[in-house]
Amino acid sequence: MAKVKNVSGEDRIVQGRLVLAGALLEVPADEVWSYTIQEPNWAPGDDEARTAHDEAYATAHAVEEAIEENARPAGNASRDVWAAWVVATERATEDDITDMSRDQLRDTYGQEG
């Protein structure tokens, strides 16, 4: 489990638990971004959380850049980047693409035009 730190300066109730200001909260690594995106309330609290945060940030940044440029991700972009781009551009829902690989996403939804 990764740890995120309550840096809000206030005590918080999370999932029915009191998390004191400055305290660490254990969360699954795939949920770290949902906390750390809420700056300045939460920050990565350990190496696992920092890695999860950095990976999610890179994915979000790559998708935002592709959408702003009205362009698809690079062909060799990660599966997470392709999946986020497909969903963000409303080509499919997360449920539609759950079992698809990066190459399947690219070949199915990445066609120009």
Protein backbone atom coordinates (compact mmCIF):
# COMPACT_ATOMS: atom_id res chain seq x y z
CA MET A 1 0.00 0.00 0.00
CA ALA A 2 1.17 3.48 -0.83
CA LYS A 3 0.96 6.32 1.66
CA VAL A 4 -0.35 9.81 1.06
CA LYS A 5 0.15 12.62 3.53
CA ASN A 6 -2.51 15.06 4.70
CA VAL A 7 -0.76 18.39 4.07
CA SER A 8 -3.92 20.49 4.18
CA GLY A 9 -3.18 21.80 7.66
CA GLU A 10 -6.58 20.50 8.79
CA ASP A 11 -7.89 17.19 10.04
CA ARG A 12 -9.86 15.31 7.35
CA ILE A 13 -12.49 12.58 7.40
CA VAL A 14 -11.66 10.01 4.71
CA GLN A 15 -13.77 6.91 4.21
CA GLY A 16 -15.19 7.33 7.70
CA ARG A 17 -11.75 7.69 9.31
CA LEU A 18 -10.20 10.74 10.89
CA VAL A 19 -6.87 11.63 9.28
CA LEU A 20 -5.06 14.22 11.35
CA ALA A 21 -3.18 17.08 9.72
CA GLY A 22 0.28 15.81 8.81
CA ALA A 23 -0.70 12.15 9.15
CA LEU A 24 -0.17 9.43 6.56
CA LEU A 25 -3.03 7.47 5.01
CA GLU A 26 -2.48 4.10 3.33
CA VAL A 27 -4.18 3.82 -0.06
CA PRO A 28 -3.84 1.45 -3.03
CA ALA A 29 -1.22 2.72 -5.47
CA ASP A 30 -3.83 3.11 -8.21
CA GLU A 31 -5.74 5.57 -5.98
CA VAL A 32 -2.78 7.85 -5.16
CA TRP A 33 -3.52 10.26 -8.02
CA SER A 34 -7.10 10.78 -6.83
CA TYR A 35 -5.60 12.22 -3.63
CA THR A 36 -2.48 14.00 -4.87
CA ILE A 37 -4.34 15.80 -7.65
CA GLN A 38 -6.12 17.64 -4.83
CA GLU A 39 -3.15 19.91 -4.17
CA PRO A 40 -2.51 21.40 -1.67
CA ASN A 41 -4.44 18.88 0.48
CA TRP A 42 -2.52 15.65 -0.13
CA ALA A 43 1.04 14.78 -1.12
CA PRO A 44 2.85 11.49 -1.74
CA GLY A 45 4.03 10.14 1.59
CA ASP A 46 6.45 7.42 0.48
CA ASP A 47 8.40 6.20 -2.57
CA GLU A 48 5.54 4.00 -3.81
CA ALA A 49 3.14 6.94 -3.70
CA ARG A 50 5.69 9.26 -5.38
CA THR A 51 6.15 6.76 -8.23
CA ALA A 52 2.38 6.32 -8.65
CA HIS A 53 1.87 10.10 -8.59
CA ASP A 54 4.64 10.75 -11.12
CA GLU A 55 3.32 8.08 -13.52
CA ALA A 56 -0.24 9.39 -13.29
CA TYR A 57 0.96 12.97 -13.78
CA ALA A 58 2.94 11.98 -16.88
CA THR A 59 -0.07 10.16 -18.32
CA ALA A 60 -2.41 13.08 -17.62
CA HIS A 61 0.08 15.56 -19.11
CA ALA A 62 0.55 13.48 -22.28
CA VAL A 63 -3.21 13.18 -22.78
CA GLU A 64 -3.81 16.90 -22.17
CA GLU A 65 -1.08 17.76 -24.66
CA ALA A 66 -2.52 15.44 -27.31
CA ILE A 67 -6.03 16.82 -26.84
CA GLU A 68 -4.82 20.44 -26.96
CA GLU A 69 -2.95 19.72 -30.17
CA ASN A 70 -5.98 17.80 -31.46
CA ALA A 71 -3.60 14.93 -32.10
CA ARG A 72 -3.45 11.31 -31.11
CA PRO A 73 -0.70 10.06 -28.78
CA ALA A 74 2.55 8.78 -30.23
CA GLY A 75 2.27 5.23 -31.53
CA ASN A 76 4.63 4.00 -28.84
CA ALA A 77 2.91 5.86 -25.98
CA SER A 78 1.94 3.68 -23.03
CA ARG A 79 -1.32 1.78 -22.84
CA ASP A 80 -2.41 4.15 -20.04
CA VAL A 81 -1.88 7.20 -22.26
CA TRP A 82 -3.80 5.61 -25.12
CA ALA A 83 -6.65 4.54 -22.82
CA ALA A 84 -6.92 7.98 -21.21
CA TRP A 85 -6.88 9.66 -24.63
CA VAL A 86 -9.60 7.37 -26.02
CA VAL A 87 -11.85 8.05 -23.02
CA ALA A 88 -11.05 11.80 -22.87
CA THR A 89 -11.86 12.26 -26.54
CA GLU A 90 -15.10 10.29 -26.07
CA ARG A 91 -14.19 7.61 -28.60
CA ALA A 92 -15.15 4.91 -26.04
CA THR A 93 -15.81 4.43 -22.35
CA GLU A 94 -13.41 2.91 -19.85
CA ASP A 95 -15.63 -0.19 -19.74
CA ASP A 96 -15.43 -0.54 -23.53
CA ILE A 97 -11.63 -0.70 -23.53
CA THR A 98 -10.79 -2.52 -20.28
CA ASP A 99 -9.38 -5.63 -21.97
CA MET A 100 -7.69 -3.89 -24.90
CA SER A 101 -3.91 -3.67 -25.28
CA ARG A 102 -2.06 -0.53 -26.28
CA ASP A 103 -1.76 -1.77 -29.87
CA GLN A 104 -5.46 -2.63 -30.03
CA LEU A 105 -6.39 0.84 -28.73
CA ARG A 106 -4.04 2.50 -31.21
CA ASP A 107 -5.27 0.43 -34.16
CA THR A 108 -8.96 0.74 -33.27
CA TYR A 109 -9.24 4.38 -32.15
CA GLY A 110 -6.07 6.07 -33.36
CA GLN A 111 -6.86 6.30 -37.04
CA GLU A 112 -6.59 9.79 -38.48
CA GLY A 113 -9.68 11.39 -39.92
